[in-house]
């Protein structure tokens, strides 16, 4: 993270894949987003709480960022210890109208999905359960 300020000006695309933790909460704010080149694109598939919502909206609205792909939200039901969610916010994706910006693509936290993902998960769970039944130990 110490190299982040020097790397941002060189990033045409910033891919955010970070978890929601105390260390990552609000990591990318106005100062960081303004260091990205004009027209850069931000893709967030990690946690919404890593990016400051107001700073991102302003950078997109004002044209500094060329676009954003958001597969995560700013508002979730409160999940203790996950540095995300709100006990007072409605379950809207955000507090700002990102959906009205023509340079924003939003998906409902499903970017990892594929036609075979559910089938693959079920097969893996079956393997784990069979191993547990045969050995008495649940592999992890």
C-alpha atoms as a PDB file:
ATOM      1  CA  UNK A   1       0.000   0.000   0.000  1.00  0.00           C
ATOM      2  CA  UNK A   2       2.956   2.309   0.492  1.00  0.00           C
ATOM      3  CA  UNK A   3       3.492   2.305  -3.302  1.00  0.00           C
ATOM      4  CA  UNK A   4      -0.135   3.173  -4.089  1.00  0.00           C
ATOM      5  CA  UNK A   5       0.313   6.964  -4.500  1.00  0.00           C
ATOM      6  CA  UNK A   6       3.069   6.400  -7.064  1.00  0.00           C
ATOM      7  CA  UNK A   7       1.182   3.701  -8.943  1.00  0.00           C
ATOM      8  CA  UNK A   8      -2.165   5.470  -9.316  1.00  0.00           C
ATOM      9  CA  UNK A   9      -0.987   8.024 -11.915  1.00  0.00           C
ATOM     10  CA  UNK A  10       0.138   5.109 -14.118  1.00  0.00           C
ATOM     11  CA  UNK A  11      -3.131   3.137 -13.940  1.00  0.00           C
ATOM     12  CA  UNK A  12      -5.547   3.368 -16.857  1.00  0.00           C
ATOM     13  CA  UNK A  13      -7.678   0.763 -15.076  1.00  0.00           C
ATOM     14  CA  UNK A  14      -7.801   0.364 -11.302  1.00  0.00           C
ATOM     15  CA  UNK A  15      -9.074  -3.071 -10.295  1.00  0.00           C
ATOM     16  CA  UNK A  16     -10.234  -3.129  -6.666  1.00  0.00           C
ATOM     17  CA  UNK A  17     -10.303  -6.652  -5.212  1.00  0.00           C
ATOM     18  CA  UNK A  18      -9.766  -5.878  -1.533  1.00  0.00           C
ATOM     19  CA  UNK A  19     -11.778  -7.206   1.422  1.00  0.00           C
ATOM     20  CA  UNK A  20     -13.647  -4.929   3.787  1.00  0.00           C
ATOM     21  CA  UNK A  21     -11.345  -4.436   6.769  1.00  0.00           C
ATOM     22  CA  UNK A  22     -10.308  -1.607   9.079  1.00  0.00           C
ATOM     23  CA  UNK A  23      -7.166  -1.185   6.947  1.00  0.00           C
ATOM     24  CA  UNK A  24      -9.060  -0.925   3.648  1.00  0.00           C
ATOM     25  CA  UNK A  25     -12.083   1.125   4.762  1.00  0.00           C
ATOM     26  CA  UNK A  26     -12.104   4.324   2.668  1.00  0.00           C
ATOM     27  CA  UNK A  27      -8.673   3.524   1.235  1.00  0.00           C
ATOM     28  CA  UNK A  28      -9.548   5.150  -2.078  1.00  0.00           C
ATOM     29  CA  UNK A  29     -10.853   8.649  -1.465  1.00  0.00           C
ATOM     30  CA  UNK A  30     -10.794  11.927  -3.359  1.00  0.00           C
ATOM     31  CA  UNK A  31      -7.014  12.323  -3.041  1.00  0.00           C
ATOM     32  CA  UNK A  32      -6.342   8.843  -4.454  1.00  0.00           C
ATOM     33  CA  UNK A  33      -8.949   9.000  -7.230  1.00  0.00           C
ATOM     34  CA  UNK A  34      -7.635  12.390  -8.368  1.00  0.00           C
ATOM     35  CA  UNK A  35      -4.205  10.797  -8.885  1.00  0.00           C
ATOM     36  CA  UNK A  36      -5.616   8.454 -11.520  1.00  0.00           C
ATOM     37  CA  UNK A  37      -5.168   9.685 -15.102  1.00  0.00           C
ATOM     38  CA  UNK A  38      -8.108  11.562 -16.597  1.00  0.00           C
ATOM     39  CA  UNK A  39     -10.341   8.986 -18.259  1.00  0.00           C
ATOM     40  CA  UNK A  40      -9.178   6.054 -16.103  1.00  0.00           C
ATOM     41  CA  UNK A  41     -11.679   3.325 -15.249  1.00  0.00           C
ATOM     42  CA  UNK A  42     -12.309   1.890 -11.787  1.00  0.00           C
ATOM     43  CA  UNK A  43     -13.549  -1.687 -11.425  1.00  0.00           C
ATOM     44  CA  UNK A  44     -14.611  -2.774  -7.942  1.00  0.00           C
ATOM     45  CA  UNK A  45     -15.234  -6.463  -7.294  1.00  0.00           C
ATOM     46  CA  UNK A  46     -13.973  -6.398  -3.690  1.00  0.00           C
ATOM     47  CA  UNK A  47     -15.989  -4.380  -1.191  1.00  0.00           C
ATOM     48  CA  UNK A  48     -17.768  -1.085  -1.687  1.00  0.00           C
ATOM     49  CA  UNK A  49     -16.364   0.260   1.578  1.00  0.00           C
ATOM     50  CA  UNK A  50     -12.836   0.368   0.092  1.00  0.00           C
ATOM     51  CA  UNK A  51     -13.833   3.296  -2.160  1.00  0.00           C
ATOM     52  CA  UNK A  52     -15.259   6.520  -0.771  1.00  0.00           C
ATOM     53  CA  UNK A  53     -18.730   6.688  -2.306  1.00  0.00           C
ATOM     54  CA  UNK A  54     -18.973  10.489  -2.593  1.00  0.00           C
ATOM     55  CA  UNK A  55     -15.468  10.814  -4.020  1.00  0.00           C
ATOM     56  CA  UNK A  56     -16.155   8.158  -6.653  1.00  0.00           C
ATOM     57  CA  UNK A  57     -19.477   9.691  -7.629  1.00  0.00           C
ATOM     58  CA  UNK A  58     -17.905  13.143  -7.979  1.00  0.00           C
ATOM     59  CA  UNK A  59     -14.976  11.818 -10.049  1.00  0.00           C
ATOM     60  CA  UNK A  60     -17.409  10.094 -12.403  1.00  0.00           C
ATOM     61  CA  UNK A  61     -19.950  12.917 -12.567  1.00  0.00           C
ATOM     62  CA  UNK A  62     -17.260  15.544 -13.203  1.00  0.00           C
ATOM     63  CA  UNK A  63     -15.581  13.441 -15.906  1.00  0.00           C
ATOM     64  CA  UNK A  64     -12.248  12.825 -14.231  1.00  0.00           C
ATOM     65  CA  UNK A  65     -12.869   9.085 -14.356  1.00  0.00           C
ATOM     66  CA  UNK A  66     -13.938   7.690 -17.702  1.00  0.00           C
ATOM     67  CA  UNK A  67     -16.123   5.048 -16.115  1.00  0.00           C
ATOM     68  CA  UNK A  68     -16.685   2.510 -13.413  1.00  0.00           C
ATOM     69  CA  UNK A  69     -17.817  -1.095 -13.207  1.00  0.00           C
ATOM     70  CA  UNK A  70     -19.280  -1.780  -9.783  1.00  0.00           C
ATOM     71  CA  UNK A  71     -20.010  -5.358  -8.796  1.00  0.00           C
ATOM     72  CA  UNK A  72     -20.242  -4.430  -5.120  1.00  0.00           C
ATOM     73  CA  UNK A  73     -22.399  -1.987  -3.222  1.00  0.00           C
ATOM     74  CA  UNK A  74     -21.976   0.746  -0.684  1.00  0.00           C
ATOM     75  CA  UNK A  75     -25.023  -0.329   1.321  1.00  0.00           C
ATOM     76  CA  UNK A  76     -25.545  -3.826   2.644  1.00  0.00           C
ATOM     77  CA  UNK A  77     -27.380  -5.087   5.683  1.00  0.00           C
ATOM     78  CA  UNK A  78     -25.067  -4.626   8.660  1.00  0.00           C
ATOM     79  CA  UNK A  79     -22.561  -7.443   8.967  1.00  0.00           C
ATOM     80  CA  UNK A  80     -20.515  -7.079  12.170  1.00  0.00           C
ATOM     81  CA  UNK A  81     -16.761  -7.192  11.652  1.00  0.00           C
ATOM     82  CA  UNK A  82     -17.020  -6.830   7.862  1.00  0.00           C
ATOM     83  CA  UNK A  83     -16.730  -3.022   7.740  1.00  0.00           C
ATOM     84  CA  UNK A  84     -19.726  -2.811   5.515  1.00  0.00           C
ATOM     85  CA  UNK A  85     -23.411  -2.360   5.881  1.00  0.00           C
ATOM     86  CA  UNK A  86     -25.631  -0.040   7.764  1.00  0.00           C
ATOM     87  CA  UNK A  87     -28.308  -0.500  10.339  1.00  0.00           C
ATOM     88  CA  UNK A  88     -30.012   2.714   9.186  1.00  0.00           C
ATOM     89  CA  UNK A  89     -29.629   2.799   5.379  1.00  0.00           C
ATOM     90  CA  UNK A  90     -32.195   1.309   3.053  1.00  0.00           C
ATOM     91  CA  UNK A  91     -31.028  -1.645   1.022  1.00  0.00           C
ATOM     92  CA  UNK A  92     -30.265   0.460  -2.043  1.00  0.00           C
ATOM     93  CA  UNK A  93     -26.900  -0.077  -3.712  1.00  0.00           C
ATOM     94  CA  UNK A  94     -25.697   3.354  -2.693  1.00  0.00           C
ATOM     95  CA  UNK A  95     -26.695   6.727  -1.354  1.00  0.00           C
ATOM     96  CA  UNK A  96     -26.002   8.451  -4.681  1.00  0.00           C
ATOM     97  CA  UNK A  97     -27.551   7.901  -8.126  1.00  0.00           C
ATOM     98  CA  UNK A  98     -24.708   5.969  -9.779  1.00  0.00           C
ATOM     99  CA  UNK A  99     -27.305   4.285 -11.990  1.00  0.00           C
ATOM    100  CA  UNK A 100     -27.999   7.630 -13.665  1.00  0.00           C
ATOM    101  CA  UNK A 101     -24.403   8.075 -14.836  1.00  0.00           C
ATOM    102  CA  UNK A 102     -23.906   6.845 -18.425  1.00  0.00           C
ATOM    103  CA  UNK A 103     -20.341   5.684 -17.722  1.00  0.00           C
ATOM    104  CA  UNK A 104     -21.241   3.314 -14.877  1.00  0.00           C
ATOM    105  CA  UNK A 105     -22.077  -0.373 -15.140  1.00  0.00           C
ATOM    106  CA  UNK A 106     -23.529  -1.958 -12.016  1.00  0.00           C
ATOM    107  CA  UNK A 107     -24.040  -5.639 -11.323  1.00  0.00           C
ATOM    108  CA  UNK A 108     -25.502  -7.259  -8.191  1.00  0.00           C
ATOM    109  CA  UNK A 109     -22.303  -8.773  -6.749  1.00  0.00           C
ATOM    110  CA  UNK A 110     -22.420 -11.543  -9.327  1.00  0.00           C
ATOM    111  CA  UNK A 111     -19.295 -10.865 -11.366  1.00  0.00           C
ATOM    112  CA  UNK A 112     -17.823 -14.212 -10.349  1.00  0.00           C
ATOM    113  CA  UNK A 113     -20.754 -16.171 -11.743  1.00  0.00           C
ATOM    114  CA  UNK A 114     -20.721 -18.372 -14.792  1.00  0.00           C
ATOM    115  CA  UNK A 115     -22.986 -20.955 -16.362  1.00  0.00           C
ATOM    116  CA  UNK A 116     -21.176 -23.739 -14.491  1.00  0.00           C
ATOM    117  CA  UNK A 117     -20.406 -22.004 -11.178  1.00  0.00           C
ATOM    118  CA  UNK A 118     -23.362 -23.416  -9.213  1.00  0.00           C
ATOM    119  CA  UNK A 119     -22.779 -26.929 -10.561  1.00  0.00           C
ATOM    120  CA  UNK A 120     -19.063 -26.705  -9.732  1.00  0.00           C
ATOM    121  CA  UNK A 121     -19.847 -25.604  -6.165  1.00  0.00           C
ATOM    122  CA  UNK A 122     -22.306 -28.453  -5.649  1.00  0.00           C
ATOM    123  CA  UNK A 123     -19.772 -30.995  -6.934  1.00  0.00           C
ATOM    124  CA  UNK A 124     -17.118 -29.645  -4.568  1.00  0.00           C
ATOM    125  CA  UNK A 125     -19.500 -29.823  -1.594  1.00  0.00           C
ATOM    126  CA  UNK A 126     -20.386 -33.436  -2.490  1.00  0.00           C
ATOM    127  CA  UNK A 127     -16.660 -34.325  -2.566  1.00  0.00           C
ATOM    128  CA  UNK A 128     -16.164 -32.771   0.863  1.00  0.00           C
ATOM    129  CA  UNK A 129     -19.155 -34.610   2.326  1.00  0.00           C
ATOM    130  CA  UNK A 130     -18.073 -37.960   0.833  1.00  0.00           C
ATOM    131  CA  UNK A 131     -14.574 -37.489   2.283  1.00  0.00           C
ATOM    132  CA  UNK A 132     -16.110 -36.651   5.675  1.00  0.00           C
ATOM    133  CA  UNK A 133     -18.340 -39.745   5.546  1.00  0.00           C
ATOM    134  CA  UNK A 134     -15.423 -42.018   4.617  1.00  0.00           C
ATOM    135  CA  UNK A 135     -12.723 -40.609   6.907  1.00  0.00           C
ATOM    136  CA  UNK A 136     -14.553 -38.780   9.675  1.00  0.00           C
ATOM    137  CA  UNK A 137     -12.523 -35.662   8.818  1.00  0.00           C
ATOM    138  CA  UNK A 138     -13.914 -32.670   6.942  1.00  0.00           C
ATOM    139  CA  UNK A 139     -11.254 -31.413   4.537  1.00  0.00           C
ATOM    140  CA  UNK A 140     -11.006 -27.702   4.219  1.00  0.00           C
END
